[in-house]
Amino acid sequence: MSSLTDQLVTLVSCLSELTVTIPQLNISLPVLELVRALLITYAYRTALQGAHATIGWGQGFLATVVMCAGGVSTVTLLRGEPLEILQTNRFWGIYGTTYWLMFSNPYVYPMVSSLLKVPAVEEFLTLADGILRNTAITQIGIEGVASNPLLGNDKWVAKLICGTLAGCGGGFWIDTFRLTQEHWTFSTPQFLYDPPVDMKASFASTLFYLVSTNTDLCDFIGLPALTQSEAHAWSALLLSSGLVYKSYINKINTHNRFNKDVPSTTTTTGDTTTTSDQLDEKKND
């Protein structure tokens, strides 16, 4: 078990630290953040369908920012801390450029759409996105509560709330204000009556991290306690698995909806109704 944990810690750490260097600009960009920007802007344009050509640039980019950083920003606002996105220029560069490419370039969206149709590609990218989300859960959501002088390490409810919101808070704002629609409207958040998979996975990841790093609680239930890095790796796997499951379910629902929307072609002659398949068989006869 320890060997498997060590391998998982190494894998998550390597993926988290993976960067792409741009020598011309003398900067290095995190690969996981690029993947997240790509997935979110693609999902946003897909949700808009034909309306993507009519919304304003400001509206679209604001919605993108909320989708990408809504969770972390909500947590920092609740704790009275400066917004994370205001403390870095990299965020605006990555998400601004990705949004511009996805909505203005005629080749990027079709290319990404074709890429995601390749077997296992979307699942792999979703898994990578889960690792980045889990970093927000553990470092900003949970450990951020512990390091806040007004809260402290003993505020378990605050950790559970902030950790969960850090992993899925963007979805909360999207659902509340219908940000993926052309015209925004306020509505009752879905999580109040039917929590989405994102929230369930974020809650489970947060709870696992809290329990597995609590030595006294682990001794009480008879399980070995984990270090922060070990708990981070396993909770990342837990969250990523939930997001991949959601991606798989969405694919099935989309496929079923497509089959339902395609009408069968029929030809009626007198009292006889013949389908297009039967007509083909008659032609072959």
Protein backbone atom coordinates (compact mmCIF):
# COMPACT_ATOMS: atom_id res chain seq x y z
CA MET A 1 0.00 0.00 0.00
CA SER A 2 2.82 2.39 0.88
CA SER A 3 4.50 1.69 -2.46
CA LEU A 4 1.27 2.47 -4.33
CA THR A 5 0.84 5.66 -2.31
CA ASP A 6 4.40 6.74 -3.07
CA GLN A 7 3.85 6.16 -6.78
CA LEU A 8 0.60 8.12 -6.71
CA VAL A 9 2.25 11.00 -4.85
CA THR A 10 5.05 11.08 -7.42
CA LEU A 11 2.62 10.99 -10.35
CA VAL A 12 0.39 13.77 -9.00
CA SER A 13 3.42 15.87 -8.10
CA CYS A 14 4.96 15.46 -11.56
CA LEU A 15 1.73 16.35 -13.34
CA SER A 16 1.20 19.36 -11.08
CA GLU A 17 4.70 20.68 -11.79
CA LEU A 18 4.61 20.03 -15.55
CA THR A 19 5.14 23.26 -17.49
CA VAL A 20 5.48 24.52 -21.05
CA THR A 21 8.23 27.06 -21.63
CA ILE A 22 7.87 29.89 -24.15
CA PRO A 23 11.44 31.14 -24.76
CA GLN A 24 10.32 34.22 -26.71
CA LEU A 25 8.39 35.52 -23.70
CA ASN A 26 10.69 33.98 -21.09
CA ILE A 27 7.77 32.41 -19.22
CA SER A 28 6.70 28.92 -18.18
CA LEU A 29 3.01 27.98 -18.14
CA PRO A 30 1.54 25.12 -16.05
CA VAL A 31 0.17 22.40 -18.31
CA LEU A 32 -2.74 21.59 -15.98
CA GLU A 33 -3.90 25.20 -16.02
CA LEU A 34 -3.74 25.26 -19.82
CA VAL A 35 -5.81 22.06 -19.94
CA ARG A 36 -8.41 23.54 -17.58
CA ALA A 37 -8.65 26.74 -19.63
CA LEU A 38 -9.12 24.70 -22.79
CA LEU A 39 -11.83 22.46 -21.31
CA ILE A 40 -13.80 25.31 -19.76
CA THR A 41 -13.80 27.62 -22.78
CA TYR A 42 -14.71 24.68 -25.04
CA ALA A 43 -17.55 23.61 -22.73
CA TYR A 44 -18.79 27.20 -22.54
CA ARG A 45 -18.92 27.67 -26.30
CA THR A 46 -20.58 24.27 -26.73
CA ALA A 47 -23.26 25.18 -24.18
CA LEU A 48 -23.97 28.47 -25.97
CA GLN A 49 -24.50 26.67 -29.30
CA GLY A 50 -25.39 29.27 -31.94
CA ALA A 51 -25.56 32.11 -29.40
CA HIS A 52 -21.76 32.22 -29.17
CA ALA A 53 -21.73 34.58 -32.16
CA THR A 54 -24.12 37.10 -30.58
CA ILE A 55 -22.89 37.52 -27.00
CA GLY A 56 -20.53 40.39 -26.23
CA TRP A 57 -16.84 39.85 -25.56
CA GLY A 58 -17.18 41.25 -22.04
CA GLN A 59 -20.11 38.99 -21.16
CA GLY A 60 -18.37 35.91 -22.48
CA PHE A 61 -15.05 36.59 -20.79
CA LEU A 62 -16.71 37.41 -17.45
CA ALA A 63 -18.60 34.12 -17.60
CA THR A 64 -15.32 32.33 -18.37
CA VAL A 65 -13.58 33.95 -15.40
CA VAL A 66 -16.42 32.91 -13.08
CA MET A 67 -16.31 29.34 -14.40
CA CYS A 68 -12.55 29.11 -13.97
CA ALA A 69 -12.07 30.92 -10.66
CA GLY A 70 -15.53 31.14 -9.12
CA GLY A 71 -14.83 28.53 -6.46
CA VAL A 72 -11.54 29.92 -5.19
CA SER A 73 -12.82 33.50 -5.39
CA THR A 74 -15.92 32.59 -3.37
CA VAL A 75 -13.76 31.02 -0.67
CA THR A 76 -11.40 33.99 -0.40
CA LEU A 77 -14.34 36.41 -0.25
CA LEU A 78 -15.94 34.39 2.56
CA ARG A 79 -12.68 34.57 4.53
CA GLY A 80 -12.12 38.27 3.80
CA GLU A 81 -8.91 37.65 1.83
CA PRO A 82 -7.67 39.22 -1.44
CA LEU A 83 -8.90 37.44 -4.56
CA GLU A 84 -6.39 34.92 -5.88
CA ILE A 85 -6.94 36.04 -9.48
CA LEU A 86 -5.83 39.58 -8.59
CA GLN A 87 -2.51 38.33 -7.28
CA THR A 88 -1.28 36.91 -10.58
CA ASN A 89 -1.01 38.14 -14.16
CA ARG A 90 -0.69 34.58 -15.46
CA PHE A 91 -4.35 33.80 -14.87
CA TRP A 92 -5.53 36.65 -17.09
CA GLY A 93 -3.01 35.81 -19.79
CA ILE A 94 -3.91 32.11 -19.97
CA TYR A 95 -7.69 32.39 -19.78
CA GLY A 96 -7.93 35.57 -21.82
CA THR A 97 -5.89 34.07 -24.65
CA THR A 98 -7.73 30.75 -24.54
CA TYR A 99 -11.11 32.49 -24.59
CA TRP A 100 -10.08 34.64 -27.55
CA LEU A 101 -8.81 31.63 -29.50
CA MET A 102 -11.91 29.52 -28.77
CA PHE A 103 -14.40 32.22 -29.74
CA SER A 104 -12.56 34.22 -32.42
CA ASN A 105 -10.38 31.73 -34.26
CA PRO A 106 -12.35 29.63 -36.80
CA TYR A 107 -10.05 26.61 -36.45
CA VAL A 108 -9.50 26.16 -32.70
CA TYR A 109 -13.01 25.03 -31.67
CA PRO A 110 -13.36 22.40 -34.45
CA MET A 111 -9.84 21.17 -33.71
CA VAL A 112 -10.54 20.75 -29.99
CA SER A 113 -13.89 19.10 -30.78
CA SER A 114 -12.15 16.57 -33.02
CA LEU A 115 -9.46 15.97 -30.40
CA LEU A 116 -11.99 15.22 -27.67
CA LYS A 117 -13.68 12.63 -29.88
CA VAL A 118 -10.53 10.51 -29.82
CA PRO A 119 -11.08 7.65 -27.33
CA ALA A 120 -9.83 8.36 -23.78
CA VAL A 121 -8.56 11.88 -24.60
CA GLU A 122 -11.42 13.70 -22.87
CA GLU A 123 -11.17 11.38 -19.87
CA PHE A 124 -7.41 11.98 -19.58
CA LEU A 125 -7.83 15.76 -19.78
CA THR A 126 -10.66 15.62 -17.25
CA LEU A 127 -8.42 13.65 -14.90
CA ALA A 128 -5.74 16.32 -15.25
CA ASP A 129 -8.32 19.01 -14.51
CA GLY A 130 -9.33 17.09 -11.39
CA ILE A 131 -5.76 17.25 -10.08
CA LEU A 132 -5.74 21.04 -10.45
CA ARG A 133 -9.14 21.35 -8.80
CA ASN A 134 -7.99 19.20 -5.91
CA THR A 135 -5.00 21.47 -5.41
CA ALA A 136 -7.45 24.33 -4.94
CA ILE A 137 -9.45 22.21 -2.48
CA THR A 138 -6.51 21.23 -0.28
CA GLN A 139 -4.19 24.24 -0.49
CA ILE A 140 -6.65 27.14 -0.75
CA GLY A 141 -9.85 25.68 0.64
CA ILE A 142 -8.66 23.53 3.58
CA GLU A 143 -5.15 24.71 4.43
CA GLY A 144 -6.25 28.28 3.76
CA VAL A 145 -8.63 28.00 6.72
CA ALA A 146 -5.87 26.58 8.92
CA SER A 147 -3.48 29.43 8.07
CA ASN A 148 -6.08 32.17 8.50
CA PRO A 149 -5.45 33.82 11.91
CA LEU A 150 -9.17 34.54 12.36
CA LEU A 151 -10.11 30.89 11.84
CA GLY A 152 -7.43 28.36 12.72
CA ASN A 153 -6.73 24.67 12.33
CA ASP A 154 -9.63 23.54 14.53
CA LYS A 155 -12.42 24.98 12.35
CA TRP A 156 -13.56 21.74 10.69
CA VAL A 157 -16.86 23.04 9.37
CA ALA A 158 -15.11 25.99 7.73
CA LYS A 159 -12.61 23.60 6.15
CA LEU A 160 -15.38 21.37 4.82
CA ILE A 161 -17.31 24.30 3.35
CA CYS A 162 -14.30 26.09 1.89
CA GLY A 163 -12.81 22.90 0.49
CA THR A 164 -16.05 21.90 -1.21
CA LEU A 165 -16.62 25.37 -2.65
CA ALA A 166 -13.04 25.62 -3.88
CA GLY A 167 -13.63 22.53 -5.99
CA CYS A 168 -17.06 23.35 -7.39
CA GLY A 169 -17.92 26.98 -6.57
CA GLY A 170 -17.75 28.03 -10.20
CA GLY A 171 -20.55 25.63 -11.01
CA PHE A 172 -22.63 27.15 -8.21
CA TRP A 173 -22.52 30.61 -9.83
CA ILE A 174 -23.07 29.18 -13.31
CA ASP A 175 -26.20 27.39 -12.15
CA THR A 176 -27.52 30.29 -10.06
CA PHE A 177 -27.29 32.90 -12.82
CA ARG A 178 -27.53 30.63 -15.88
CA LEU A 179 -24.19 31.93 -17.16
CA THR A 180 -24.09 29.45 -20.04
CA GLN A 181 -27.20 31.04 -21.55
CA GLU A 182 -27.28 34.07 -23.82
CA HIS A 183 -29.44 35.99 -21.33
CA TRP A 184 -28.56 35.61 -17.65
CA THR A 185 -31.35 35.05 -15.13
CA PHE A 186 -31.41 34.33 -11.41
CA SER A 187 -32.76 30.94 -10.35
CA THR A 188 -32.71 28.56 -7.41
CA PRO A 189 -29.32 26.78 -7.39
CA GLN A 190 -29.59 23.13 -8.38
CA PHE A 191 -27.38 21.94 -5.52
CA LEU A 192 -30.12 22.86 -3.03
CA TYR A 193 -32.37 20.09 -4.32
CA ASP A 194 -30.17 17.91 -6.55
CA PRO A 195 -26.40 18.25 -5.94
CA PRO A 196 -24.41 17.73 -9.17
CA VAL A 197 -21.56 15.25 -9.48
CA ASP A 198 -18.98 18.04 -9.21
CA MET A 199 -20.23 19.03 -5.76
CA LYS A 200 -20.50 15.45 -4.53
CA ALA A 201 -16.97 14.68 -5.72
CA SER A 202 -15.57 17.89 -4.19
CA PHE A 203 -17.30 17.16 -0.88
CA ALA A 204 -16.00 13.57 -0.85
CA SER A 205 -12.46 14.72 -1.68
CA THR A 206 -12.55 17.37 1.05
CA LEU A 207 -13.93 14.97 3.64
CA PHE A 208 -11.35 12.32 2.77
CA TYR A 209 -8.48 14.80 3.12
CA LEU A 210 -9.76 16.02 6.49
CA VAL A 211 -10.27 12.53 7.91
CA SER A 212 -7.08 10.97 6.55
CA THR A 213 -4.84 13.74 7.93
CA ASN A 214 -6.42 13.72 11.40
CA THR A 215 -4.24 11.42 13.51
CA ASP A 216 -6.67 11.11 16.43
CA LEU A 217 -9.61 10.28 14.20
CA CYS A 218 -7.60 7.72 12.20
CA ASP A 219 -6.51 6.03 15.43
CA PHE A 220 -10.13 5.91 16.57
CA ILE A 221 -11.37 4.23 13.38
CA GLY A 222 -8.29 2.02 13.11
CA LEU A 223 -6.81 3.38 9.88
CA PRO A 224 -3.30 4.73 9.29
CA ALA A 225 -3.08 8.50 9.05
CA LEU A 226 -1.63 10.05 5.90
CA THR A 227 0.71 12.95 5.43
CA GLN A 228 -0.61 16.03 3.66
CA SER A 229 1.09 15.08 0.39
CA GLU A 230 -0.26 11.52 0.56
CA ALA A 231 -3.79 12.69 1.38
CA HIS A 232 -3.55 15.25 -1.42
CA ALA A 233 -2.64 12.54 -3.94
CA TRP A 234 -5.43 10.16 -2.92
CA SER A 235 -8.05 12.91 -2.75
CA ALA A 236 -6.94 14.02 -6.23
CA LEU A 237 -7.59 10.50 -7.50
CA LEU A 238 -10.98 10.48 -5.79
CA LEU A 239 -12.02 13.83 -7.28
CA SER A 240 -10.69 13.01 -10.74
CA SER A 241 -12.56 9.70 -10.75
CA GLY A 242 -15.80 11.54 -9.99
CA LEU A 243 -15.22 14.04 -12.79
CA VAL A 244 -14.35 11.28 -15.28
CA TYR A 245 -17.54 9.46 -14.27
CA LYS A 246 -19.51 12.66 -14.92
CA SER A 247 -17.87 13.01 -18.34
CA TYR A 248 -18.79 9.42 -19.19
CA ILE A 249 -22.41 9.90 -18.11
CA ASN A 250 -22.67 13.11 -20.13
CA LYS A 251 -21.48 11.25 -23.22
CA ILE A 252 -24.12 8.56 -22.74
CA ASN A 253 -26.87 11.14 -22.21
CA THR A 254 -25.79 13.08 -25.29
CA HIS A 255 -25.78 9.91 -27.38
CA ASN A 256 -29.23 8.87 -26.14
CA ARG A 257 -30.63 12.36 -26.71
CA PHE A 258 -29.26 12.38 -30.26
CA ASN A 259 -30.87 9.02 -31.04
CA LYS A 260 -34.16 10.22 -29.56
CA ASP A 261 -34.13 13.42 -31.63
CA VAL A 262 -33.54 11.61 -34.95
CA PRO A 263 -36.99 10.63 -36.32
CA SER A 264 -37.51 7.40 -38.18
CA THR A 265 -38.45 7.80 -41.84
CA THR A 266 -41.75 6.10 -42.67
CA THR A 267 -43.83 5.71 -45.80
CA THR A 268 -47.56 5.08 -45.42
CA THR A 269 -49.50 3.34 -48.20
CA GLY A 270 -53.11 2.55 -47.42
CA ASP A 271 -53.16 0.53 -44.22
CA THR A 272 -49.46 -0.33 -44.44
CA THR A 273 -46.70 1.68 -42.74
CA THR A 274 -43.22 0.91 -44.02
CA THR A 275 -39.97 2.13 -42.45
CA SER A 276 -36.99 3.24 -44.48
CA ASP A 277 -35.11 0.08 -43.46
CA GLN A 278 -37.94 -2.08 -44.78
CA LEU A 279 -37.92 -0.14 -48.05
CA ASP A 280 -34.22 -0.88 -48.42
CA GLU A 281 -34.88 -4.57 -47.85
CA LYS A 282 -37.58 -4.56 -50.54
CA LYS A 283 -35.23 -2.90 -52.97
CA ASN A 284 -32.65 -5.59 -52.29
CA ASP A 285 -35.29 -8.27 -52.89
